[in-house]
């Protein structure tokens, strides 16, 4: 195979998992905690129930604040608990 025929993978073509959730903590430097909630049908009873999980995501600039709706993408492990990166802001937090 010649160098021009090699398979070059661009970042846009990779299959990265992305999740959407709400920032519940921004107290740590360069890290946010994102609560991702999903609704599933119960196996036995058929009722729709909410399941949630918290993910630690890398926020290099510290631009996301508590209450913001953000999209996170899976990435390389950055620390023991952090392997997700905040990619974009979906909705700014409402002031109450």
PDB file of N, CA and C in Angstrom:
ATOM      1  N   UNK A   1       0.846  -1.174   0.000  1.00  0.00           N
ATOM      2  CA  UNK A   1       0.000   0.000   0.000  1.00  0.00           C
ATOM      3  C   UNK A   1       0.892   1.237   0.000  1.00  0.00           C
ATOM      4  N   UNK A   2       0.620   2.149  -0.888  1.00  0.00           N
ATOM      5  CA  UNK A   2       1.425   3.368  -0.972  1.00  0.00           C
ATOM      6  C   UNK A   2       0.985   4.351   0.106  1.00  0.00           C
ATOM      7  N   UNK A   3       1.847   5.322   0.448  1.00  0.00           N
ATOM      8  CA  UNK A   3       1.471   6.292   1.494  1.00  0.00           C
ATOM      9  C   UNK A   3       0.220   7.091   1.172  1.00  0.00           C
ATOM     10  N   UNK A   4      -0.077   7.279  -0.101  1.00  0.00           N
ATOM     11  CA  UNK A   4      -1.272   8.061  -0.443  1.00  0.00           C
ATOM     12  C   UNK A   4      -2.549   7.253  -0.282  1.00  0.00           C
ATOM     13  N   UNK A   5      -2.438   5.909  -0.262  1.00  0.00           N
ATOM     14  CA  UNK A   5      -3.618   5.059  -0.144  1.00  0.00           C
ATOM     15  C   UNK A   5      -3.900   4.649   1.292  1.00  0.00           C
ATOM     16  N   UNK A   6      -3.068   5.066   2.249  1.00  0.00           N
ATOM     17  CA  UNK A   6      -3.277   4.670   3.632  1.00  0.00           C
ATOM     18  C   UNK A   6      -4.577   5.237   4.174  1.00  0.00           C
ATOM     19  N   UNK A   7      -5.162   4.501   5.080  1.00  0.00           N
ATOM     20  CA  UNK A   7      -6.419   4.921   5.691  1.00  0.00           C
ATOM     21  C   UNK A   7      -6.124   6.012   6.722  1.00  0.00           C
ATOM     22  N   UNK A   8      -6.507   7.226   6.418  1.00  0.00           N
ATOM     23  CA  UNK A   8      -6.319   8.327   7.365  1.00  0.00           C
ATOM     24  C   UNK A   8      -7.636   8.576   8.057  1.00  0.00           C
ATOM     25  N   UNK A   9      -7.634   8.430   9.357  1.00  0.00           N
ATOM     26  CA  UNK A   9      -8.863   8.647  10.113  1.00  0.00           C
ATOM     27  C   UNK A   9      -8.870  10.070  10.651  1.00  0.00           C
ATOM     28  N   UNK A  10      -9.903  10.799  10.337  1.00  0.00           N
ATOM     29  CA  UNK A  10     -10.046  12.163  10.830  1.00  0.00           C
ATOM     30  C   UNK A  10     -10.906  12.136  12.082  1.00  0.00           C
ATOM     31  N   UNK A  11     -10.781  13.153  12.952  1.00  0.00           N
ATOM     32  CA  UNK A  11     -11.583  13.174  14.173  1.00  0.00           C
ATOM     33  C   UNK A  11     -13.082  13.174  13.913  1.00  0.00           C
ATOM     34  N   UNK A  12     -13.517  13.691  12.766  1.00  0.00           N
ATOM     35  CA  UNK A  12     -14.945  13.765  12.477  1.00  0.00           C
ATOM     36  C   UNK A  12     -15.529  12.390  12.172  1.00  0.00           C
ATOM     37  N   UNK A  13     -14.689  11.448  11.742  1.00  0.00           N
ATOM     38  CA  UNK A  13     -15.199  10.142  11.349  1.00  0.00           C
ATOM     39  C   UNK A  13     -15.172   9.123  12.476  1.00  0.00           C
ATOM     40  N   UNK A  14     -14.553   9.439  13.590  1.00  0.00           N
ATOM     41  CA  UNK A  14     -14.495   8.477  14.680  1.00  0.00           C
ATOM     42  C   UNK A  14     -15.844   8.365  15.372  1.00  0.00           C
ATOM     43  N   UNK A  15     -16.103   7.184  15.887  1.00  0.00           N
ATOM     44  CA  UNK A  15     -17.358   6.943  16.592  1.00  0.00           C
ATOM     45  C   UNK A  15     -17.130   7.163  18.079  1.00  0.00           C
ATOM     46  N   UNK A  16     -17.382   8.383  18.542  1.00  0.00           N
ATOM     47  CA  UNK A  16     -17.227   8.694  19.959  1.00  0.00           C
ATOM     48  C   UNK A  16     -18.602   8.741  20.591  1.00  0.00           C
ATOM     49  N   UNK A  17     -18.693   8.191  21.796  1.00  0.00           N
ATOM     50  CA  UNK A  17     -19.960   8.258  22.526  1.00  0.00           C
ATOM     51  C   UNK A  17     -20.143   9.669  23.052  1.00  0.00           C
ATOM     52  N   UNK A  18     -21.338  10.206  22.879  1.00  0.00           N
ATOM     53  CA  UNK A  18     -21.653  11.522  23.424  1.00  0.00           C
ATOM     54  C   UNK A  18     -22.908  11.405  24.275  1.00  0.00           C
ATOM     55  N   UNK A  19     -22.938  12.164  25.363  1.00  0.00           N
ATOM     56  CA  UNK A  19     -24.074  12.188  26.270  1.00  0.00           C
ATOM     57  C   UNK A  19     -24.439  13.634  26.554  1.00  0.00           C
ATOM     58  N   UNK A  20     -25.688  13.864  26.910  1.00  0.00           N
ATOM     59  CA  UNK A  20     -26.160  15.200  27.250  1.00  0.00           C
ATOM     60  C   UNK A  20     -26.657  15.158  28.690  1.00  0.00           C
ATOM     61  N   UNK A  21     -26.201  16.126  29.482  1.00  0.00           N
ATOM     62  CA  UNK A  21     -26.616  16.163  30.883  1.00  0.00           C
ATOM     63  C   UNK A  21     -26.464  17.541  31.482  1.00  0.00           C
ATOM     64  N   UNK A  22     -26.843  17.653  32.757  1.00  0.00           N
ATOM     65  CA  UNK A  22     -26.808  18.925  33.463  1.00  0.00           C
ATOM     66  C   UNK A  22     -25.632  18.946  34.425  1.00  0.00           C
ATOM     67  N   UNK A  23     -24.931  20.095  34.472  1.00  0.00           N
ATOM     68  CA  UNK A  23     -23.796  20.259  35.373  1.00  0.00           C
ATOM     69  C   UNK A  23     -24.330  20.411  36.796  1.00  0.00           C
ATOM     70  N   UNK A  24     -23.891  19.513  37.689  1.00  0.00           N
ATOM     71  CA  UNK A  24     -24.344  19.580  39.078  1.00  0.00           C
ATOM     72  C   UNK A  24     -23.236  20.071  40.007  1.00  0.00           C
ATOM     73  N   UNK A  25     -21.986  20.118  39.525  1.00  0.00           N
ATOM     74  CA  UNK A  25     -20.897  20.626  40.334  1.00  0.00           C
ATOM     75  C   UNK A  25     -19.792  21.168  39.433  1.00  0.00           C
ATOM     76  N   UNK A  26     -19.273  22.347  39.812  1.00  0.00           N
ATOM     77  CA  UNK A  26     -18.141  22.935  39.085  1.00  0.00           C
ATOM     78  C   UNK A  26     -17.095  23.441  40.070  1.00  0.00           C
ATOM     79  N   UNK A  27     -17.032  22.813  41.239  1.00  0.00           N
ATOM     80  CA  UNK A  27     -16.159  23.292  42.306  1.00  0.00           C
ATOM     81  C   UNK A  27     -14.693  22.972  42.081  1.00  0.00           C
ATOM     82  N   UNK A  28     -14.396  21.920  41.338  1.00  0.00           N
ATOM     83  CA  UNK A  28     -13.007  21.545  41.124  1.00  0.00           C
ATOM     84  C   UNK A  28     -12.426  22.257  39.909  1.00  0.00           C
ATOM     85  N   UNK A  29     -11.120  22.442  39.914  1.00  0.00           N
ATOM     86  CA  UNK A  29     -10.433  23.097  38.811  1.00  0.00           C
ATOM     87  C   UNK A  29     -10.416  22.177  37.594  1.00  0.00           C
ATOM     88  N   UNK A  30     -10.863  22.695  36.455  1.00  0.00           N
ATOM     89  CA  UNK A  30     -10.864  21.997  35.167  1.00  0.00           C
ATOM     90  C   UNK A  30     -11.715  20.728  35.149  1.00  0.00           C
ATOM     91  N   UNK A  31     -12.621  20.585  36.114  1.00  0.00           N
ATOM     92  CA  UNK A  31     -13.485  19.408  36.157  1.00  0.00           C
ATOM     93  C   UNK A  31     -14.907  19.817  36.488  1.00  0.00           C
ATOM     94  N   UNK A  32     -15.861  19.237  35.762  1.00  0.00           N
ATOM     95  CA  UNK A  32     -17.274  19.426  36.089  1.00  0.00           C
ATOM     96  C   UNK A  32     -17.892  18.043  36.301  1.00  0.00           C
ATOM     97  N   UNK A  33     -18.940  17.999  37.110  1.00  0.00           N
ATOM     98  CA  UNK A  33     -19.694  16.767  37.309  1.00  0.00           C
ATOM     99  C   UNK A  33     -21.016  16.926  36.579  1.00  0.00           C
ATOM    100  N   UNK A  34     -21.297  15.982  35.678  1.00  0.00           N
ATOM    101  CA  UNK A  34     -22.480  16.061  34.826  1.00  0.00           C
ATOM    102  C   UNK A  34     -23.415  14.921  35.172  1.00  0.00           C
ATOM    103  N   UNK A  35     -24.675  15.247  35.452  1.00  0.00           N
ATOM    104  CA  UNK A  35     -25.707  14.257  35.746  1.00  0.00           C
ATOM    105  C   UNK A  35     -26.457  13.947  34.454  1.00  0.00           C
ATOM    106  N   UNK A  36     -26.339  12.710  33.997  1.00  0.00           N
ATOM    107  CA  UNK A  36     -27.015  12.274  32.774  1.00  0.00           C
ATOM    108  C   UNK A  36     -28.200  11.417  33.190  1.00  0.00           C
ATOM    109  N   UNK A  37     -29.386  11.830  32.758  1.00  0.00           N
ATOM    110  CA  UNK A  37     -30.605  11.118  33.116  1.00  0.00           C
ATOM    111  C   UNK A  37     -31.218  10.515  31.864  1.00  0.00           C
ATOM    112  N   UNK A  38     -31.622   9.254  31.975  1.00  0.00           N
ATOM    113  CA  UNK A  38     -32.281   8.598  30.845  1.00  0.00           C
ATOM    114  C   UNK A  38     -33.528   7.901  31.342  1.00  0.00           C
ATOM    115  N   UNK A  39     -34.502   7.766  30.487  1.00  0.00           N
ATOM    116  CA  UNK A  39     -35.766   7.150  30.853  1.00  0.00           C
ATOM    117  C   UNK A  39     -35.875   5.810  30.129  1.00  0.00           C
ATOM    118  N   UNK A  40     -36.121   4.758  30.916  1.00  0.00           N
ATOM    119  CA  UNK A  40     -36.237   3.426  30.341  1.00  0.00           C
ATOM    120  C   UNK A  40     -37.531   2.775  30.813  1.00  0.00           C
ATOM    121  N   UNK A  41     -37.942   1.777  30.099  1.00  0.00           N
ATOM    122  CA  UNK A  41     -39.134   1.025  30.470  1.00  0.00           C
ATOM    123  C   UNK A  41     -38.717  -0.120  31.395  1.00  0.00           C
ATOM    124  N   UNK A  42     -39.405  -0.258  32.520  1.00  0.00           N
ATOM    125  CA  UNK A  42     -39.094  -1.326  33.470  1.00  0.00           C
ATOM    126  C   UNK A  42     -39.360  -2.681  32.808  1.00  0.00           C
ATOM    127  N   UNK A  43     -38.442  -3.633  33.027  1.00  0.00           N
ATOM    128  CA  UNK A  43     -38.526  -4.921  32.338  1.00  0.00           C
ATOM    129  C   UNK A  43     -39.790  -5.695  32.684  1.00  0.00           C
ATOM    130  N   UNK A  44     -40.170  -5.706  33.958  1.00  0.00           N
ATOM    131  CA  UNK A  44     -41.297  -6.510  34.404  1.00  0.00           C
ATOM    132  C   UNK A  44     -42.618  -5.740  34.368  1.00  0.00           C
ATOM    133  N   UNK A  45     -42.616  -4.524  34.911  1.00  0.00           N
ATOM    134  CA  UNK A  45     -43.873  -3.797  35.089  1.00  0.00           C
ATOM    135  C   UNK A  45     -44.228  -2.873  33.933  1.00  0.00           C
ATOM    136  N   UNK A  46     -43.270  -2.542  33.084  1.00  0.00           N
ATOM    137  CA  UNK A  46     -43.561  -1.726  31.915  1.00  0.00           C
ATOM    138  C   UNK A  46     -43.657  -0.234  32.189  1.00  0.00           C
ATOM    139  N   UNK A  47     -43.460   0.168  33.447  1.00  0.00           N
ATOM    140  CA  UNK A  47     -43.536   1.585  33.789  1.00  0.00           C
ATOM    141  C   UNK A  47     -42.246   2.293  33.363  1.00  0.00           C
ATOM    142  N   UNK A  48     -42.364   3.536  32.931  1.00  0.00           N
ATOM    143  CA  UNK A  48     -41.198   4.330  32.556  1.00  0.00           C
ATOM    144  C   UNK A  48     -40.545   4.853  33.836  1.00  0.00           C
ATOM    145  N   UNK A  49     -39.268   4.522  34.021  1.00  0.00           N
ATOM    146  CA  UNK A  49     -38.532   4.967  35.203  1.00  0.00           C
ATOM    147  C   UNK A  49     -37.298   5.746  34.766  1.00  0.00           C
ATOM    148  N   UNK A  50     -36.870   6.673  35.614  1.00  0.00           N
ATOM    149  CA  UNK A  50     -35.702   7.494  35.316  1.00  0.00           C
ATOM    150  C   UNK A  50     -34.472   6.878  35.960  1.00  0.00           C
ATOM    151  N   UNK A  51     -33.440   6.708  35.188  1.00  0.00           N
ATOM    152  CA  UNK A  51     -32.147   6.241  35.680  1.00  0.00           C
ATOM    153  C   UNK A  51     -31.151   7.372  35.457  1.00  0.00           C
ATOM    154  N   UNK A  52     -30.274   7.583  36.436  1.00  0.00           N
ATOM    155  CA  UNK A  52     -29.309   8.671  36.299  1.00  0.00           C
ATOM    156  C   UNK A  52     -27.928   8.198  36.697  1.00  0.00           C
ATOM    157  N   UNK A  53     -26.920   8.880  36.167  1.00  0.00           N
ATOM    158  CA  UNK A  53     -25.534   8.574  36.483  1.00  0.00           C
ATOM    159  C   UNK A  53     -24.727   9.853  36.374  1.00  0.00           C
ATOM    160  N   UNK A  54     -23.732   9.986  37.244  1.00  0.00           N
ATOM    161  CA  UNK A  54     -22.865  11.161  37.225  1.00  0.00           C
ATOM    162  C   UNK A  54     -21.547  10.820  36.552  1.00  0.00           C
ATOM    163  N   UNK A  55     -21.084  11.730  35.704  1.00  0.00           N
ATOM    164  CA  UNK A  55     -19.809  11.590  35.020  1.00  0.00           C
ATOM    165  C   UNK A  55     -18.937  12.797  35.341  1.00  0.00           C
ATOM    166  N   UNK A  56     -17.647  12.575  35.515  1.00  0.00           N
ATOM    167  CA  UNK A  56     -16.699  13.667  35.677  1.00  0.00           C
ATOM    168  C   UNK A  56     -16.159  13.990  34.292  1.00  0.00           C
ATOM    169  N   UNK A  57     -16.245  15.259  33.898  1.00  0.00           N
ATOM    170  CA  UNK A  57     -15.810  15.676  32.566  1.00  0.00           C
ATOM    171  C   UNK A  57     -14.760  16.771  32.676  1.00  0.00           C
ATOM    172  N   UNK A  58     -13.843  16.779  31.718  1.00  0.00           N
ATOM    173  CA  UNK A  58     -12.760  17.757  31.690  1.00  0.00           C
ATOM    174  C   UNK A  58     -13.274  19.055  31.078  1.00  0.00           C
ATOM    175  N   UNK A  59     -13.047  20.161  31.773  1.00  0.00           N
ATOM    176  CA  UNK A  59     -13.445  21.500  31.320  1.00  0.00           C
ATOM    177  C   UNK A  59     -12.197  22.379  31.411  1.00  0.00           C
ATOM    178  N   UNK A  60     -11.434  22.431  30.329  1.00  0.00           N
ATOM    179  CA  UNK A  60     -10.122  23.095  30.332  1.00  0.00           C
ATOM    180  C   UNK A  60     -10.197  24.565  30.719  1.00  0.00           C
ATOM    181  N   UNK A  61     -11.164  25.301  30.169  1.00  0.00           N
ATOM    182  CA  UNK A  61     -11.243  26.746  30.393  1.00  0.00           C
ATOM    183  C   UNK A  61     -12.113  27.131  31.579  1.00  0.00           C
ATOM    184  N   UNK A  62     -12.846  26.197  32.146  1.00  0.00           N
ATOM    185  CA  UNK A  62     -13.736  26.506  33.259  1.00  0.00           C
ATOM    186  C   UNK A  62     -14.928  27.338  32.837  1.00  0.00           C
ATOM    187  N   UNK A  63     -15.422  27.106  31.622  1.00  0.00           N
ATOM    188  CA  UNK A  63     -16.505  27.935  31.088  1.00  0.00           C
ATOM    189  C   UNK A  63     -17.900  27.444  31.446  1.00  0.00           C
ATOM    190  N   UNK A  64     -18.053  26.203  31.898  1.00  0.00           N
ATOM    191  CA  UNK A  64     -19.374  25.667  32.205  1.00  0.00           C
ATOM    192  C   UNK A  64     -19.648  25.812  33.694  1.00  0.00           C
ATOM    193  N   UNK A  65     -20.838  26.288  34.016  1.00  0.00           N
ATOM    194  CA  UNK A  65     -21.218  26.553  35.406  1.00  0.00           C
ATOM    195  C   UNK A  65     -22.357  25.637  35.821  1.00  0.00           C
ATOM    196  N   UNK A  66     -22.651  25.631  37.109  1.00  0.00           N
ATOM    197  CA  UNK A  66     -23.689  24.775  37.664  1.00  0.00           C
ATOM    198  C   UNK A  66     -25.051  25.101  37.045  1.00  0.00           C
ATOM    199  N   UNK A  67     -25.770  24.081  36.622  1.00  0.00           N
ATOM    200  CA  UNK A  67     -27.084  24.256  36.028  1.00  0.00           C
ATOM    201  C   UNK A  67     -27.082  24.271  34.508  1.00  0.00           C
ATOM    202  N   UNK A  68     -25.911  24.402  33.884  1.00  0.00           N
ATOM    203  CA  UNK A  68     -25.828  24.403  32.425  1.00  0.00           C
ATOM    204  C   UNK A  68     -26.104  23.010  31.872  1.00  0.00           C
ATOM    205  N   UNK A  69     -26.731  22.960  30.694  1.00  0.00           N
ATOM    206  CA  UNK A  69     -26.928  21.701  29.984  1.00  0.00           C
ATOM    207  C   UNK A  69     -25.787  21.588  28.977  1.00  0.00           C
ATOM    208  N   UNK A  70     -24.982  20.522  29.093  1.00  0.00           N
ATOM    209  CA  UNK A  70     -23.800  20.381  28.246  1.00  0.00           C
ATOM    210  C   UNK A  70     -23.781  19.020  27.572  1.00  0.00           C
ATOM    211  N   UNK A  71     -22.967  18.933  26.523  1.00  0.00           N
ATOM    212  CA  UNK A  71     -22.713  17.671  25.846  1.00  0.00           C
ATOM    213  C   UNK A  71     -21.304  17.233  26.216  1.00  0.00           C
ATOM    214  N   UNK A  72     -21.155  15.961  26.581  1.00  0.00           N
ATOM    215  CA  UNK A  72     -19.833  15.441  26.906  1.00  0.00           C
ATOM    216  C   UNK A  72     -19.515  14.300  25.948  1.00  0.00           C
ATOM    217  N   UNK A  73     -18.235  14.148  25.628  1.00  0.00           N
ATOM    218  CA  UNK A  73     -17.792  13.099  24.711  1.00  0.00           C
ATOM    219  C   UNK A  73     -16.744  12.246  25.400  1.00  0.00           C
ATOM    220  N   UNK A  74     -16.743  10.975  25.071  1.00  0.00           N
ATOM    221  CA  UNK A  74     -15.782  10.062  25.654  1.00  0.00           C
ATOM    222  C   UNK A  74     -14.391  10.351  25.092  1.00  0.00           C
ATOM    223  N   UNK A  75     -13.395  10.294  25.963  1.00  0.00           N
ATOM    224  CA  UNK A  75     -12.032  10.557  25.535  1.00  0.00           C
ATOM    225  C   UNK A  75     -11.058   9.661  26.272  1.00  0.00           C
ATOM    226  N   UNK A  76      -9.798  10.021  26.205  1.00  0.00           N
ATOM    227  CA  UNK A  76      -8.778   9.232  26.895  1.00  0.00           C
ATOM    228  C   UNK A  76      -8.877   9.461  28.397  1.00  0.00           C
ATOM    229  N   UNK A  77      -8.426   8.532  29.208  1.00  0.00           N
ATOM    230  CA  UNK A  77      -8.441   8.741  30.659  1.00  0.00           C
ATOM    231  C   UNK A  77      -7.524   9.896  31.050  1.00  0.00           C
ATOM    232  N   UNK A  78      -8.077  10.875  31.759  1.00  0.00           N
ATOM    233  CA  UNK A  78      -7.316  12.038  32.199  1.00  0.00           C
ATOM    234  C   UNK A  78      -6.898  11.863  33.652  1.00  0.00           C
ATOM    235  N   UNK A  79      -7.748  11.238  34.447  1.00  0.00           N
ATOM    236  CA  UNK A  79      -7.417  10.932  35.834  1.00  0.00           C
ATOM    237  C   UNK A  79      -8.108   9.622  36.203  1.00  0.00           C
ATOM    238  N   UNK A  80      -8.101   9.282  37.474  1.00  0.00           N
ATOM    239  CA  UNK A  80      -8.700   8.019  37.915  1.00  0.00           C
ATOM    240  C   UNK A  80     -10.182   7.934  37.576  1.00  0.00           C
ATOM    241  N   UNK A  81     -10.907   9.044  37.737  1.00  0.00           N
ATOM    242  CA  UNK A  81     -12.359   9.020  37.519  1.00  0.00           C
ATOM    243  C   UNK A  81     -12.803   9.819  36.302  1.00  0.00           C
ATOM    244  N   UNK A  82     -11.876  10.464  35.604  1.00  0.00           N
ATOM    245  CA  UNK A  82     -12.263  11.391  34.532  1.00  0.00           C
ATOM    246  C   UNK A  82     -11.800  10.883  33.168  1.00  0.00           C
ATOM    247  N   UNK A  83     -12.761  10.485  32.328  1.00  0.00           N
ATOM    248  CA  UNK A  83     -12.457  10.034  30.972  1.00  0.00           C
ATOM    249  C   UNK A  83     -13.424  10.636  29.963  1.00  0.00           C
ATOM    250  N   UNK A  84     -14.064  11.739  30.326  1.00  0.00           N
ATOM    251  CA  UNK A  84     -15.005  12.432  29.445  1.00  0.00           C
ATOM    252  C   UNK A  84     -14.551  13.878  29.300  1.00  0.00           C
ATOM    253  N   UNK A  85     -14.892  14.494  28.164  1.00  0.00           N
ATOM    254  CA  UNK A  85     -14.522  15.882  27.887  1.00  0.00           C
ATOM    255  C   UNK A  85     -15.787  16.652  27.528  1.00  0.00           C
ATOM    256  N   UNK A  86     -15.976  17.809  28.145  1.00  0.00           N
ATOM    257  CA  UNK A  86     -17.125  18.660  27.812  1.00  0.00           C
ATOM    258  C   UNK A  86     -16.876  19.279  26.443  1.00  0.00           C
ATOM    259  N   UNK A  87     -17.799  19.065  25.507  1.00  0.00           N
ATOM    260  CA  UNK A  87     -17.585  19.523  24.131  1.00  0.00           C
ATOM    261  C   UNK A  87     -18.331  20.804  23.795  1.00  0.00           C
ATOM    262  N   UNK A  88     -19.588  20.923  24.254  1.00  0.00           N
ATOM    263  CA  UNK A  88     -20.316  22.147  23.893  1.00  0.00           C
ATOM    264  C   UNK A  88     -21.429  22.432  24.888  1.00  0.00           C
ATOM    265  N   UNK A  89     -21.813  23.704  24.911  1.00  0.00           N
ATOM    266  CA  UNK A  89     -22.902  24.169  25.763  1.00  0.00           C
ATOM    267  C   UNK A  89     -24.203  24.057  24.971  1.00  0.00           C
ATOM    268  N   UNK A  90     -25.184  23.419  25.553  1.00  0.00           N
ATOM    269  CA  UNK A  90     -26.483  23.279  24.883  1.00  0.00           C
ATOM    270  C   UNK A  90     -27.447  24.342  25.378  1.00  0.00           C
ATOM    271  N   UNK A  91     -27.505  24.521  26.703  1.00  0.00           N
ATOM    272  CA  UNK A  91     -28.423  25.494  27.289  1.00  0.00           C
ATOM    273  C   UNK A  91     -27.777  26.098  28.533  1.00  0.00           C
ATOM    274  N   UNK A  92     -27.823  27.420  28.603  1.00  0.00           N
ATOM    275  CA  UNK A  92     -27.281  28.132  29.767  1.00  0.00           C
ATOM    276  C   UNK A  92     -28.250  27.974  30.938  1.00  0.00           C
ATOM    277  N   UNK A  93     -27.712  27.990  32.152  1.00  0.00           N
ATOM    278  CA  UNK A  93     -28.552  27.853  33.339  1.00  0.00           C
ATOM    279  C   UNK A  93     -29.462  29.064  33.491  1.00  0.00           C
ATOM    280  N   UNK A  94     -30.696  28.796  33.913  1.00  0.00           N
ATOM    281  CA  UNK A  94     -31.644  29.891  34.157  1.00  0.00           C
ATOM    282  C   UNK A  94     -31.444  30.441  35.550  1.00  0.00           C
ATOM    283  N   UNK A  95     -31.469  31.736  35.691  1.00  0.00           N
ATOM    284  CA  UNK A  95     -31.341  32.359  37.002  1.00  0.00           C
ATOM    285  C   UNK A  95     -32.701  32.382  37.678  1.00  0.00           C
ATOM    286  N   UNK A  96     -32.778  31.866  38.890  1.00  0.00           N
ATOM    287  CA  UNK A  96     -34.062  31.786  39.607  1.00  0.00           C
ATOM    288  C   UNK A  96     -34.112  32.840  40.676  1.00  0.00           C
TER     289      UNK A  96
END
